Amino acid sequence: MTNREKARQERLRKALIEKKRKMWNELRNEIFNKLGNEYNKQFDMPQDLEDQALIDVIEDVGLAIADIRRQELTSMDETIRKLEHGTYGVCEECGENISERRLKVMPFTMYCVKCQKKTEG
């Protein structure tokens, strides 16, 4: 691996780790701060059936969002494994390097822009 490739891998690694840390913090804040404080207060108060139904919907949405974030974190772990094996940032279709700009926007992408358009089109 050349020095240029090593520098690219290091920049990508730092960006991925920062993104993962941010995702964990957002999930932790969502679960502990928002759900823990706001919704517990609502469950403590007597409510009619309509209020309870609304709380159930809010809780379901919160769980769905948490599950989406969990899936993103799982994808992030897979992405970090690829980075460690030297395959991260390489298009799975053509084998060319995916631009760092694209990886910053879509860190889990498997394809370069050109190949992504082919698969979608």
PDB file of N, CA and C in Angstrom:
ATOM      1  N   MET A   1       0.853  -1.177   0.000  1.00  0.00           N
ATOM      2  CA  MET A   1       0.000   0.000   0.000  1.00  0.00           C
ATOM      3  C   MET A   1       0.899   1.241   0.000  1.00  0.00           C
ATOM      4  N   THR A   2       0.605   2.177  -0.867  1.00  0.00           N
ATOM      5  CA  THR A   2       1.413   3.388  -0.973  1.00  0.00           C
ATOM      6  C   THR A   2       1.088   4.343   0.173  1.00  0.00           C
ATOM      7  N   ASN A   3       1.945   5.330   0.356  1.00  0.00           N
ATOM      8  CA  ASN A   3       1.705   6.338   1.398  1.00  0.00           C
ATOM      9  C   ASN A   3       0.403   7.085   1.143  1.00  0.00           C
ATOM     10  N   ARG A   4       0.118   7.342  -0.117  1.00  0.00           N
ATOM     11  CA  ARG A   4      -1.124   8.044  -0.473  1.00  0.00           C
ATOM     12  C   ARG A   4      -2.346   7.207  -0.076  1.00  0.00           C
ATOM     13  N   GLU A   5      -2.290   5.920  -0.358  1.00  0.00           N
ATOM     14  CA  GLU A   5      -3.395   5.025   0.002  1.00  0.00           C
ATOM     15  C   GLU A   5      -3.531   4.913   1.520  1.00  0.00           C
ATOM     16  N   LYS A   6      -2.394   4.851   2.212  1.00  0.00           N
ATOM     17  CA  LYS A   6      -2.430   4.784   3.674  1.00  0.00           C
ATOM     18  C   LYS A   6      -3.050   6.043   4.260  1.00  0.00           C
ATOM     19  N   ALA A   7      -2.688   7.192   3.709  1.00  0.00           N
ATOM     20  CA  ALA A   7      -3.254   8.457   4.189  1.00  0.00           C
ATOM     21  C   ALA A   7      -4.760   8.500   3.943  1.00  0.00           C
ATOM     22  N   ARG A   8      -5.193   8.006   2.782  1.00  0.00           N
ATOM     23  CA  ARG A   8      -6.635   7.952   2.470  1.00  0.00           C
ATOM     24  C   ARG A   8      -7.360   7.047   3.453  1.00  0.00           C
ATOM     25  N   GLN A   9      -6.801   5.869   3.697  1.00  0.00           N
ATOM     26  CA  GLN A   9      -7.410   4.928   4.636  1.00  0.00           C
ATOM     27  C   GLN A   9      -7.502   5.532   6.035  1.00  0.00           C
ATOM     28  N   GLU A  10      -6.485   6.262   6.448  1.00  0.00           N
ATOM     29  CA  GLU A  10      -6.491   6.882   7.773  1.00  0.00           C
ATOM     30  C   GLU A  10      -7.562   7.968   7.855  1.00  0.00           C
ATOM     31  N   ARG A  11      -7.698   8.784   6.802  1.00  0.00           N
ATOM     32  CA  ARG A  11      -8.751   9.803   6.793  1.00  0.00           C
ATOM     33  C   ARG A  11     -10.135   9.152   6.848  1.00  0.00           C
ATOM     34  N   LEU A  12     -10.308   8.086   6.083  1.00  0.00           N
ATOM     35  CA  LEU A  12     -11.593   7.386   6.086  1.00  0.00           C
ATOM     36  C   LEU A  12     -11.877   6.760   7.447  1.00  0.00           C
ATOM     37  N   ARG A  13     -10.842   6.169   8.057  1.00  0.00           N
ATOM     38  CA  ARG A  13     -11.006   5.556   9.374  1.00  0.00           C
ATOM     39  C   ARG A  13     -11.443   6.590  10.398  1.00  0.00           C
ATOM     40  N   LYS A  14     -10.784   7.741  10.406  1.00  0.00           N
ATOM     41  CA  LYS A  14     -11.140   8.796  11.357  1.00  0.00           C
ATOM     42  C   LYS A  14     -12.567   9.280  11.129  1.00  0.00           C
ATOM     43  N   ALA A  15     -12.956   9.438   9.872  1.00  0.00           N
ATOM     44  CA  ALA A  15     -14.319   9.890   9.561  1.00  0.00           C
ATOM     45  C   ALA A  15     -15.348   8.858  10.019  1.00  0.00           C
ATOM     46  N   LEU A  16     -15.067   7.583   9.806  1.00  0.00           N
ATOM     47  CA  LEU A  16     -15.995   6.527  10.225  1.00  0.00           C
ATOM     48  C   LEU A  16     -16.132   6.459  11.737  1.00  0.00           C
ATOM     49  N   ILE A  17     -15.037   6.530  12.422  1.00  0.00           N
ATOM     50  CA  ILE A  17     -15.089   6.460  13.885  1.00  0.00           C
ATOM     51  C   ILE A  17     -15.840   7.657  14.453  1.00  0.00           C
ATOM     52  N   GLU A  18     -15.611   8.829  13.887  1.00  0.00           N
ATOM     53  CA  GLU A  18     -16.330  10.026  14.332  1.00  0.00           C
ATOM     54  C   GLU A  18     -17.832   9.884  14.058  1.00  0.00           C
ATOM     55  N   LYS A  19     -18.174   9.360  12.891  1.00  0.00           N
ATOM     56  CA  LYS A  19     -19.585   9.159  12.538  1.00  0.00           C
ATOM     57  C   LYS A  19     -20.224   8.154  13.495  1.00  0.00           C
ATOM     58  N   LYS A  20     -19.533   7.077  13.801  1.00  0.00           N
ATOM     59  CA  LYS A  20     -20.064   6.058  14.706  1.00  0.00           C
ATOM     60  C   LYS A  20     -20.270   6.633  16.101  1.00  0.00           C
ATOM     61  N   ARG A  21     -19.305   7.420  16.580  1.00  0.00           N
ATOM     62  CA  ARG A  21     -19.433   8.044  17.899  1.00  0.00           C
ATOM     63  C   ARG A  21     -20.647   8.971  17.931  1.00  0.00           C
ATOM     64  N   LYS A  22     -20.826   9.726  16.878  1.00  0.00           N
ATOM     65  CA  LYS A  22     -21.964  10.636  16.797  1.00  0.00           C
ATOM     66  C   LYS A  22     -23.285   9.857  16.792  1.00  0.00           C
ATOM     67  N   MET A  23     -23.336   8.759  16.042  1.00  0.00           N
ATOM     68  CA  MET A  23     -24.547   7.942  15.980  1.00  0.00           C
ATOM     69  C   MET A  23     -24.885   7.358  17.354  1.00  0.00           C
ATOM     70  N   TRP A  24     -23.870   6.862  18.071  1.00  0.00           N
ATOM     71  CA  TRP A  24     -24.100   6.308  19.408  1.00  0.00           C
ATOM     72  C   TRP A  24     -24.617   7.378  20.358  1.00  0.00           C
ATOM     73  N   ASN A  25     -24.022   8.561  20.287  1.00  0.00           N
ATOM     74  CA  ASN A  25     -24.465   9.652  21.160  1.00  0.00           C
ATOM     75  C   ASN A  25     -25.908  10.042  20.874  1.00  0.00           C
ATOM     76  N   GLU A  26     -26.277  10.112  19.598  1.00  0.00           N
ATOM     77  CA  GLU A  26     -27.655  10.450  19.243  1.00  0.00           C
ATOM     78  C   GLU A  26     -28.629   9.394  19.759  1.00  0.00           C
ATOM     79  N   LEU A  27     -28.275   8.128  19.579  1.00  0.00           N
ATOM     80  CA  LEU A  27     -29.137   7.047  20.050  1.00  0.00           C
ATOM     81  C   LEU A  27     -29.250   7.066  21.569  1.00  0.00           C
ATOM     82  N   ARG A  28     -28.135   7.244  22.241  1.00  0.00           N
ATOM     83  CA  ARG A  28     -28.137   7.294  23.703  1.00  0.00           C
ATOM     84  C   ARG A  28     -28.997   8.456  24.197  1.00  0.00           C
ATOM     85  N   ASN A  29     -28.836   9.616  23.591  1.00  0.00           N
ATOM     86  CA  ASN A  29     -29.638  10.775  23.986  1.00  0.00           C
ATOM     87  C   ASN A  29     -31.122  10.541  23.740  1.00  0.00           C
ATOM     88  N   GLU A  30     -31.441   9.937  22.622  1.00  0.00           N
ATOM     89  CA  GLU A  30     -32.842   9.662  22.291  1.00  0.00           C
ATOM     90  C   GLU A  30     -33.460   8.742  23.330  1.00  0.00           C
ATOM     91  N   ILE A  31     -32.762   7.686  23.657  1.00  0.00           N
ATOM     92  CA  ILE A  31     -33.321   6.697  24.580  1.00  0.00           C
ATOM     93  C   ILE A  31     -33.364   7.218  26.002  1.00  0.00           C
ATOM     94  N   PHE A  32     -32.243   7.700  26.501  1.00  0.00           N
ATOM     95  CA  PHE A  32     -32.175   8.055  27.916  1.00  0.00           C
ATOM     96  C   PHE A  32     -32.782   9.411  28.231  1.00  0.00           C
ATOM     97  N   ASN A  33     -32.469  10.397  27.442  1.00  0.00           N
ATOM     98  CA  ASN A  33     -32.973  11.736  27.751  1.00  0.00           C
ATOM     99  C   ASN A  33     -34.438  11.903  27.383  1.00  0.00           C
ATOM    100  N   LYS A  34     -34.746  11.699  26.134  1.00  0.00           N
ATOM    101  CA  LYS A  34     -36.103  11.971  25.677  1.00  0.00           C
ATOM    102  C   LYS A  34     -37.087  10.931  26.204  1.00  0.00           C
ATOM    103  N   LEU A  35     -36.829   9.671  25.891  1.00  0.00           N
ATOM    104  CA  LEU A  35     -37.762   8.628  26.315  1.00  0.00           C
ATOM    105  C   LEU A  35     -37.791   8.501  27.829  1.00  0.00           C
ATOM    106  N   GLY A  36     -36.626   8.551  28.435  1.00  0.00           N
ATOM    107  CA  GLY A  36     -36.560   8.357  29.876  1.00  0.00           C
ATOM    108  C   GLY A  36     -37.302   9.404  30.668  1.00  0.00           C
ATOM    109  N   ASN A  37     -37.173  10.658  30.336  1.00  0.00           N
ATOM    110  CA  ASN A  37     -37.787  11.726  31.122  1.00  0.00           C
ATOM    111  C   ASN A  37     -39.201  12.066  30.674  1.00  0.00           C
ATOM    112  N   GLU A  38     -39.366  12.365  29.394  1.00  0.00           N
ATOM    113  CA  GLU A  38     -40.657  12.852  28.915  1.00  0.00           C
ATOM    114  C   GLU A  38     -41.758  11.797  29.003  1.00  0.00           C
ATOM    115  N   TYR A  39     -41.469  10.599  28.509  1.00  0.00           N
ATOM    116  CA  TYR A  39     -42.524   9.606  28.426  1.00  0.00           C
ATOM    117  C   TYR A  39     -42.853   8.973  29.774  1.00  0.00           C
ATOM    118  N   ASN A  40     -41.875   8.849  30.640  1.00  0.00           N
ATOM    119  CA  ASN A  40     -42.161   8.304  31.961  1.00  0.00           C
ATOM    120  C   ASN A  40     -43.137   9.188  32.723  1.00  0.00           C
ATOM    121  N   LYS A  41     -43.010  10.498  32.600  1.00  0.00           N
ATOM    122  CA  LYS A  41     -43.939  11.419  33.249  1.00  0.00           C
ATOM    123  C   LYS A  41     -45.357  11.209  32.735  1.00  0.00           C
ATOM    124  N   GLN A  42     -45.479  10.993  31.437  1.00  0.00           N
ATOM    125  CA  GLN A  42     -46.802  10.793  30.852  1.00  0.00           C
ATOM    126  C   GLN A  42     -47.427   9.486  31.329  1.00  0.00           C
ATOM    127  N   PHE A  43     -46.622   8.450  31.489  1.00  0.00           N
ATOM    128  CA  PHE A  43     -47.163   7.179  31.939  1.00  0.00           C
ATOM    129  C   PHE A  43     -47.593   7.220  33.402  1.00  0.00           C
ATOM    130  N   ASP A  44     -47.032   8.124  34.178  1.00  0.00           N
ATOM    131  CA  ASP A  44     -47.378   8.236  35.589  1.00  0.00           C
ATOM    132  C   ASP A  44     -48.736   8.898  35.818  1.00  0.00           C
ATOM    133  N   MET A  45     -49.193   9.684  34.877  1.00  0.00           N
ATOM    134  CA  MET A  45     -50.455  10.416  35.039  1.00  0.00           C
ATOM    135  C   MET A  45     -51.627   9.568  34.548  1.00  0.00           C
ATOM    136  N   PRO A  46     -52.763   9.697  35.206  1.00  0.00           N
ATOM    137  CA  PRO A  46     -53.948   9.014  34.700  1.00  0.00           C
ATOM    138  C   PRO A  46     -54.307   9.564  33.321  1.00  0.00           C
ATOM    139  N   GLN A  47     -54.694   8.672  32.430  1.00  0.00           N
ATOM    140  CA  GLN A  47     -55.002   9.087  31.066  1.00  0.00           C
ATOM    141  C   GLN A  47     -56.252   8.382  30.578  1.00  0.00           C
ATOM    142  N   ASP A  48     -56.889   9.010  29.594  1.00  0.00           N
ATOM    143  CA  ASP A  48     -58.005   8.321  28.953  1.00  0.00           C
ATOM    144  C   ASP A  48     -57.453   7.443  27.827  1.00  0.00           C
ATOM    145  N   LEU A  49     -58.310   6.690  27.166  1.00  0.00           N
ATOM    146  CA  LEU A  49     -57.863   5.752  26.136  1.00  0.00           C
ATOM    147  C   LEU A  49     -57.209   6.452  24.951  1.00  0.00           C
ATOM    148  N   GLU A  50     -57.708   7.646  24.612  1.00  0.00           N
ATOM    149  CA  GLU A  50     -57.125   8.377  23.485  1.00  0.00           C
ATOM    150  C   GLU A  50     -55.691   8.813  23.802  1.00  0.00           C
ATOM    151  N   ASP A  51     -55.465   9.298  25.004  1.00  0.00           N
ATOM    152  CA  ASP A  51     -54.118   9.689  25.401  1.00  0.00           C
ATOM    153  C   ASP A  51     -53.188   8.473  25.405  1.00  0.00           C
ATOM    154  N   GLN A  52     -53.673   7.368  25.913  1.00  0.00           N
ATOM    155  CA  GLN A  52     -52.863   6.162  25.963  1.00  0.00           C
ATOM    156  C   GLN A  52     -52.525   5.673  24.547  1.00  0.00           C
ATOM    157  N   ALA A  53     -53.484   5.756  23.639  1.00  0.00           N
ATOM    158  CA  ALA A  53     -53.234   5.344  22.256  1.00  0.00           C
ATOM    159  C   ALA A  53     -52.171   6.221  21.620  1.00  0.00           C
ATOM    160  N   LEU A  54     -52.232   7.524  21.876  1.00  0.00           N
ATOM    161  CA  LEU A  54     -51.231   8.443  21.342  1.00  0.00           C
ATOM    162  C   LEU A  54     -49.852   8.125  21.903  1.00  0.00           C
ATOM    163  N   ILE A  55     -49.774   7.864  23.193  1.00  0.00           N
ATOM    164  CA  ILE A  55     -48.493   7.512  23.819  1.00  0.00           C
ATOM    165  C   ILE A  55     -47.949   6.219  23.220  1.00  0.00           C
ATOM    166  N   ASP A  56     -48.827   5.252  22.961  1.00  0.00           N
ATOM    167  CA  ASP A  56     -48.402   3.998  22.343  1.00  0.00           C
ATOM    168  C   ASP A  56     -47.813   4.235  20.952  1.00  0.00           C
ATOM    169  N   VAL A  57     -48.439   5.115  20.179  1.00  0.00           N
ATOM    170  CA  VAL A  57     -47.932   5.430  18.842  1.00  0.00           C
ATOM    171  C   VAL A  57     -46.564   6.112  18.945  1.00  0.00           C
ATOM    172  N   ILE A  58     -46.446   7.065  19.847  1.00  0.00           N
ATOM    173  CA  ILE A  58     -45.176   7.764  20.039  1.00  0.00           C
ATOM    174  C   ILE A  58     -44.084   6.783  20.450  1.00  0.00           C
ATOM    175  N   GLU A  59     -44.427   5.873  21.354  1.00  0.00           N
ATOM    176  CA  GLU A  59     -43.451   4.879  21.802  1.00  0.00           C
ATOM    177  C   GLU A  59     -43.041   3.968  20.647  1.00  0.00           C
ATOM    178  N   ASP A  60     -44.011   3.542  19.820  1.00  0.00           N
ATOM    179  CA  ASP A  60     -43.699   2.689  18.674  1.00  0.00           C
ATOM    180  C   ASP A  60     -42.791   3.399  17.676  1.00  0.00           C
ATOM    181  N   VAL A  61     -43.061   4.670  17.430  1.00  0.00           N
ATOM    182  CA  VAL A  61     -42.220   5.445  16.519  1.00  0.00           C
ATOM    183  C   VAL A  61     -40.812   5.561  17.092  1.00  0.00           C
ATOM    184  N   GLY A  62     -40.714   5.820  18.375  1.00  0.00           N
ATOM    185  CA  GLY A  62     -39.401   5.907  19.015  1.00  0.00           C
ATOM    186  C   GLY A  62     -38.632   4.605  18.897  1.00  0.00           C
ATOM    187  N   LEU A  63     -39.325   3.478  19.072  1.00  0.00           N
ATOM    188  CA  LEU A  63     -38.667   2.182  18.937  1.00  0.00           C
ATOM    189  C   LEU A  63     -38.252   1.922  17.495  1.00  0.00           C
ATOM    190  N   ALA A  64     -39.078   2.336  16.545  1.00  0.00           N
ATOM    191  CA  ALA A  64     -38.734   2.163  15.132  1.00  0.00           C
ATOM    192  C   ALA A  64     -37.496   2.979  14.776  1.00  0.00           C
ATOM    193  N   ILE A  65     -37.436   4.204  15.266  1.00  0.00           N
ATOM    194  CA  ILE A  65     -36.271   5.052  15.009  1.00  0.00           C
ATOM    195  C   ILE A  65     -35.028   4.438  15.652  1.00  0.00           C
ATOM    196  N   ALA A  66     -35.170   3.941  16.863  1.00  0.00           N
ATOM    197  CA  ALA A  66     -34.037   3.299  17.539  1.00  0.00           C
ATOM    198  C   ALA A  66     -33.563   2.079  16.754  1.00  0.00           C
ATOM    199  N   ASP A  67     -34.506   1.323  16.168  1.00  0.00           N
ATOM    200  CA  ASP A  67     -34.130   0.150  15.384  1.00  0.00           C
ATOM    201  C   ASP A  67     -33.393   0.555  14.111  1.00  0.00           C
ATOM    202  N   ILE A  68     -33.827   1.633  13.477  1.00  0.00           N
ATOM    203  CA  ILE A  68     -33.131   2.133  12.290  1.00  0.00           C
ATOM    204  C   ILE A  68     -31.710   2.526  12.660  1.00  0.00           C
ATOM    205  N   ARG A  69     -31.562   3.209  13.771  1.00  0.00           N
ATOM    206  CA  ARG A  69     -30.219   3.612  14.220  1.00  0.00           C
ATOM    207  C   ARG A  69     -29.374   2.397  14.579  1.00  0.00           C
ATOM    208  N   ARG A  70     -29.993   1.374  15.144  1.00  0.00           N
ATOM    209  CA  ARG A  70     -29.264   0.139  15.455  1.00  0.00           C
ATOM    210  C   ARG A  70     -28.758  -0.509  14.165  1.00  0.00           C
ATOM    211  N   GLN A  71     -29.598  -0.521  13.131  1.00  0.00           N
ATOM    212  CA  GLN A  71     -29.181  -1.081  11.847  1.00  0.00           C
ATOM    213  C   GLN A  71     -28.039  -0.269  11.239  1.00  0.00           C
ATOM    214  N   GLU A  72     -28.114   1.043  11.375  1.00  0.00           N
ATOM    215  CA  GLU A  72     -27.032   1.896  10.882  1.00  0.00           C
ATOM    216  C   GLU A  72     -25.731   1.605  11.623  1.00  0.00           C
ATOM    217  N   LEU A  73     -25.820   1.402  12.932  1.00  0.00           N
ATOM    218  CA  LEU A  73     -24.622   1.087  13.715  1.00  0.00           C
ATOM    219  C   LEU A  73     -24.045  -0.274  13.316  1.00  0.00           C
ATOM    220  N   THR A  74     -24.914  -1.230  13.017  1.00  0.00           N
ATOM    221  CA  THR A  74     -24.448  -2.529  12.540  1.00  0.00           C
ATOM    222  C   THR A  74     -23.736  -2.368  11.208  1.00  0.00           C
ATOM    223  N   SER A  75     -24.309  -1.566  10.322  1.00  0.00           N
ATOM    224  CA  SER A  75     -23.659  -1.282   9.038  1.00  0.00           C
ATOM    225  C   SER A  75     -22.322  -0.591   9.249  1.00  0.00           C
ATOM    226  N   MET A  76     -22.275   0.285  10.228  1.00  0.00           N
ATOM    227  CA  MET A  76     -21.033   0.990  10.527  1.00  0.00           C
ATOM    228  C   MET A  76     -19.961   0.005  10.982  1.00  0.00           C
ATOM    229  N   ASP A  77     -20.326  -0.968  11.815  1.00  0.00           N
ATOM    230  CA  ASP A  77     -19.363  -1.975  12.248  1.00  0.00           C
ATOM    231  C   ASP A  77     -18.842  -2.782  11.063  1.00  0.00           C
ATOM    232  N   GLU A  78     -19.732  -3.141  10.140  1.00  0.00           N
ATOM    233  CA  GLU A  78     -19.315  -3.869   8.938  1.00  0.00           C
ATOM    234  C   GLU A  78     -18.379  -3.015   8.092  1.00  0.00           C
ATOM    235  N   THR A  79     -18.677  -1.736   8.006  1.00  0.00           N
ATOM    236  CA  THR A  79     -17.854  -0.805   7.240  1.00  0.00           C
ATOM    237  C   THR A  79     -16.466  -0.693   7.858  1.00  0.00           C
ATOM    238  N   ILE A  80     -16.387  -0.621   9.177  1.00  0.00           N
ATOM    239  CA  ILE A  80     -15.088  -0.536   9.854  1.00  0.00           C
ATOM    240  C   ILE A  80     -14.288  -1.825   9.631  1.00  0.00           C
ATOM    241  N   ARG A  81     -14.969  -2.969   9.610  1.00  0.00           N
ATOM    242  CA  ARG A  81     -14.279  -4.232   9.307  1.00  0.00           C
ATOM    243  C   ARG A  81     -13.686  -4.199   7.893  1.00  0.00           C
ATOM    244  N   LYS A  82     -14.472  -3.667   6.949  1.00  0.00           N
ATOM    245  CA  LYS A  82     -13.960  -3.541   5.580  1.00  0.00           C
ATOM    246  C   LYS A  82     -12.727  -2.646   5.550  1.00  0.00           C
ATOM    247  N   LEU A  83     -12.772  -1.575   6.303  1.00  0.00           N
ATOM    248  CA  LEU A  83     -11.637  -0.657   6.359  1.00  0.00           C
ATOM    249  C   LEU A  83     -10.399  -1.376   6.878  1.00  0.00           C
ATOM    250  N   GLU A  84     -10.572  -2.164   7.935  1.00  0.00           N
ATOM    251  CA  GLU A  84      -9.446  -2.902   8.517  1.00  0.00           C
ATOM    252  C   GLU A  84      -8.865  -3.926   7.545  1.00  0.00           C
ATOM    253  N   HIS A  85      -9.716  -4.453   6.656  1.00  0.00           N
ATOM    254  CA  HIS A  85      -9.253  -5.435   5.669  1.00  0.00           C
ATOM    255  C   HIS A  85      -8.800  -4.777   4.366  1.00  0.00           C
ATOM    256  N   GLY A  86      -8.876  -3.450   4.312  1.00  0.00           N
ATOM    257  CA  GLY A  86      -8.411  -2.738   3.129  1.00  0.00           C
ATOM    258  C   GLY A  86      -9.372  -2.738   1.960  1.00  0.00           C
ATOM    259  N   THR A  87     -10.639  -3.107   2.202  1.00  0.00           N
ATOM    260  CA  THR A  87     -11.611  -3.147   1.107  1.00  0.00           C
ATOM    261  C   THR A  87     -12.633  -2.014   1.177  1.00  0.00           C
ATOM    262  N   TYR A  88     -12.550  -1.196   2.206  1.00  0.00           N
ATOM    263  CA  TYR A  88     -13.493  -0.081   2.321  1.00  0.00           C
ATOM    264  C   TYR A  88     -13.137   1.013   1.326  1.00  0.00           C
ATOM    265  N   GLY A  89     -14.165   1.577   0.716  1.00  0.00           N
ATOM    266  CA  GLY A  89     -13.954   2.676  -0.218  1.00  0.00           C
ATOM    267  C   GLY A  89     -13.641   2.208  -1.621  1.00  0.00           C
ATOM    268  N   VAL A  90     -13.779   0.905  -1.841  1.00  0.00           N
ATOM    269  CA  VAL A  90     -13.550   0.337  -3.165  1.00  0.00           C
ATOM    270  C   VAL A  90     -14.889  -0.142  -3.709  1.00  0.00           C
ATOM    271  N   CYS A  91     -15.225   0.306  -4.918  1.00  0.00           N
ATOM    272  CA  CYS A  91     -16.496  -0.062  -5.537  1.00  0.00           C
ATOM    273  C   CYS A  91     -16.553  -1.571  -5.747  1.00  0.00           C
ATOM    274  N   GLU A  92     -17.637  -2.182  -5.308  1.00  0.00           N
ATOM    275  CA  GLU A  92     -17.782  -3.631  -5.444  1.00  0.00           C
ATOM    276  C   GLU A  92     -18.110  -4.051  -6.866  1.00  0.00           C
ATOM    277  N   GLU A  93     -18.466  -3.098  -7.703  1.00  0.00           N
ATOM    278  CA  GLU A  93     -18.781  -3.405  -9.097  1.00  0.00           C
ATOM    279  C   GLU A  93     -17.547  -3.288  -9.994  1.00  0.00           C
ATOM    280  N   CYS A  94     -16.891  -2.126  -9.977  1.00  0.00           N
ATOM    281  CA  CYS A  94     -15.787  -1.875 -10.909  1.00  0.00           C
ATOM    282  C   CYS A  94     -14.407  -1.958 -10.266  1.00  0.00           C
ATOM    283  N   GLY A  95     -14.339  -1.951  -8.930  1.00  0.00           N
ATOM    284  CA  GLY A  95     -13.058  -2.058  -8.240  1.00  0.00           C
ATOM    285  C   GLY A  95     -12.291  -0.751  -8.106  1.00  0.00           C
ATOM    286  N   GLU A  96     -12.867   0.343  -8.573  1.00  0.00           N
ATOM    287  CA  GLU A  96     -12.229   1.653  -8.449  1.00  0.00           C
ATOM    288  C   GLU A  96     -12.498   2.232  -7.063  1.00  0.00           C
ATOM    289  N   ASN A  97     -11.645   3.169  -6.639  1.00  0.00           N
ATOM    290  CA  ASN A  97     -11.875   3.851  -5.367  1.00  0.00           C
ATOM    291  C   ASN A  97     -13.108   4.726  -5.449  1.00  0.00           C
ATOM    292  N   ILE A  98     -13.927   4.677  -4.406  1.00  0.00           N
ATOM    293  CA  ILE A  98     -15.088   5.558  -4.282  1.00  0.00           C
ATOM    294  C   ILE A  98     -14.567   6.877  -3.733  1.00  0.00           C
ATOM    295  N   SER A  99     -15.053   7.981  -4.251  1.00  0.00           N
ATOM    296  CA  SER A  99     -14.541   9.285  -3.811  1.00  0.00           C
ATOM    297  C   SER A  99     -14.806   9.492  -2.324  1.00  0.00           C
ATOM    298  N   GLU A 100     -13.867  10.156  -1.666  1.00  0.00           N
ATOM    299  CA  GLU A 100     -14.017  10.437  -0.236  1.00  0.00           C
ATOM    300  C   GLU A 100     -15.239  11.312   0.016  1.00  0.00           C
ATOM    301  N   ARG A 101     -15.511  12.211  -0.906  1.00  0.00           N
ATOM    302  CA  ARG A 101     -16.685  13.078  -0.765  1.00  0.00           C
ATOM    303  C   ARG A 101     -17.963  12.247  -0.702  1.00  0.00           C
ATOM    304  N   ARG A 102     -18.065  11.249  -1.568  1.00  0.00           N
ATOM    305  CA  ARG A 102     -19.240  10.366  -1.558  1.00  0.00           C
ATOM    306  C   ARG A 102     -19.298   9.555  -0.263  1.00  0.00           C
ATOM    307  N   LEU A 103     -18.162   9.075   0.192  1.00  0.00           N
ATOM    308  CA  LEU A 103     -18.128   8.269   1.415  1.00  0.00           C
ATOM    309  C   LEU A 103     -18.489   9.087   2.649  1.00  0.00           C
ATOM    310  N   LYS A 104     -18.176  10.378   2.632  1.00  0.00           N
ATOM    311  CA  LYS A 104     -18.565  11.226   3.762  1.00  0.00           C
ATOM    312  C   LYS A 104     -20.075  11.380   3.821  1.00  0.00           C
ATOM    313  N   VAL A 105     -20.709  11.460   2.656  1.00  0.00           N
ATOM    314  CA  VAL A 105     -22.166  11.608   2.600  1.00  0.00           C
ATOM    315  C   VAL A 105     -22.853  10.273   2.850  1.00  0.00           C
ATOM    316  N   MET A 106     -22.319   9.216   2.246  1.00  0.00           N
ATOM    317  CA  MET A 106     -22.913   7.879   2.344  1.00  0.00           C
ATOM    318  C   MET A 106     -21.833   6.870   2.754  1.00  0.00           C
ATOM    319  N   PRO A 107     -21.506   6.815   4.046  1.00  0.00           N
ATOM    320  CA  PRO A 107     -20.384   5.967   4.463  1.00  0.00           C
ATOM    321  C   PRO A 107     -20.601   4.471   4.227  1.00  0.00           C
ATOM    322  N   PHE A 108     -21.844   4.033   4.033  1.00  0.00           N
ATOM    323  CA  PHE A 108     -22.109   2.604   3.867  1.00  0.00           C
ATOM    324  C   PHE A 108     -22.210   2.188   2.405  1.00  0.00           C
ATOM    325  N   THR A 109     -21.989   3.117   1.485  1.00  0.00           N
ATOM    326  CA  THR A 109     -22.171   2.800   0.076  1.00  0.00           C
ATOM    327  C   THR A 109     -21.177   1.745  -0.394  1.00  0.00           C
ATOM    328  N   MET A 110     -21.623   0.904  -1.306  1.00  0.00           N
ATOM    329  CA  MET A 110     -20.768  -0.150  -1.842  1.00  0.00           C
ATOM    330  C   MET A 110     -20.314   0.170  -3.261  1.00  0.00           C
ATOM    331  N   TYR A 111     -20.909   1.225  -3.858  1.00  0.00           N
ATOM    332  CA  TYR A 111     -20.646   1.519  -5.261  1.00  0.00           C
ATOM    333  C   TYR A 111     -20.216   2.967  -5.473  1.00  0.00           C
ATOM    334  N   CYS A 112     -19.421   3.183  -6.502  1.00  0.00           N
ATOM    335  CA  CYS A 112     -19.101   4.540  -6.938  1.00  0.00           C
ATOM    336  C   CYS A 112     -20.364   5.112  -7.601  1.00  0.00           C
ATOM    337  N   VAL A 113     -20.351   6.391  -7.879  1.00  0.00           N
ATOM    338  CA  VAL A 113     -21.535   7.048  -8.454  1.00  0.00           C
ATOM    339  C   VAL A 113     -21.921   6.393  -9.785  1.00  0.00           C
ATOM    340  N   LYS A 114     -20.939   6.156 -10.612  1.00  0.00           N
ATOM    341  CA  LYS A 114     -21.201   5.581 -11.946  1.00  0.00           C
ATOM    342  C   LYS A 114     -21.888   4.211 -11.847  1.00  0.00           C
ATOM    343  N   CYS A 115     -21.352   3.343 -10.999  1.00  0.00           N
ATOM    344  CA  CYS A 115     -21.930   2.012 -10.846  1.00  0.00           C
ATOM    345  C   CYS A 115     -23.274   2.044 -10.125  1.00  0.00           C
ATOM    346  N   GLN A 116     -23.421   2.985  -9.191  1.00  0.00           N
ATOM    347  CA  GLN A 116     -24.706   3.142  -8.491  1.00  0.00           C
ATOM    348  C   GLN A 116     -25.800   3.499  -9.503  1.00  0.00           C
ATOM    349  N   LYS A 117     -25.476   4.393 -10.427  1.00  0.00           N
ATOM    350  CA  LYS A 117     -26.451   4.767 -11.470  1.00  0.00           C
ATOM    351  C   LYS A 117     -26.817   3.567 -12.322  1.00  0.00           C
ATOM    352  N   LYS A 118     -25.831   2.713 -12.633  1.00  0.00           N
ATOM    353  CA  LYS A 118     -26.108   1.500 -13.414  1.00  0.00           C
ATOM    354  C   LYS A 118     -27.065   0.577 -12.676  1.00  0.00           C
ATOM    355  N   THR A 119     -26.819   0.376 -11.364  1.00  0.00           N
ATOM    356  CA  THR A 119     -27.664  -0.549 -10.607  1.00  0.00           C
ATOM    357  C   THR A 119     -29.074  -0.023 -10.432  1.00  0.00           C
ATOM    358  N   GLU A 120     -29.216   1.307 -10.386  1.00  0.00           N
ATOM    359  CA  GLU A 120     -30.537   1.902 -10.220  1.00  0.00           C
ATOM    360  C   GLU A 120     -31.280   2.040 -11.529  1.00  0.00           C
ATOM    361  N   GLY A 121     -30.529   2.120 -12.638  1.00  0.00           N
ATOM    362  CA  GLY A 121     -31.131   2.478 -13.891  1.00  0.00           C
ATOM    363  C   GLY A 121     -31.559   1.370 -14.759  1.00  0.00           C
TER     364      GLY A 121
END
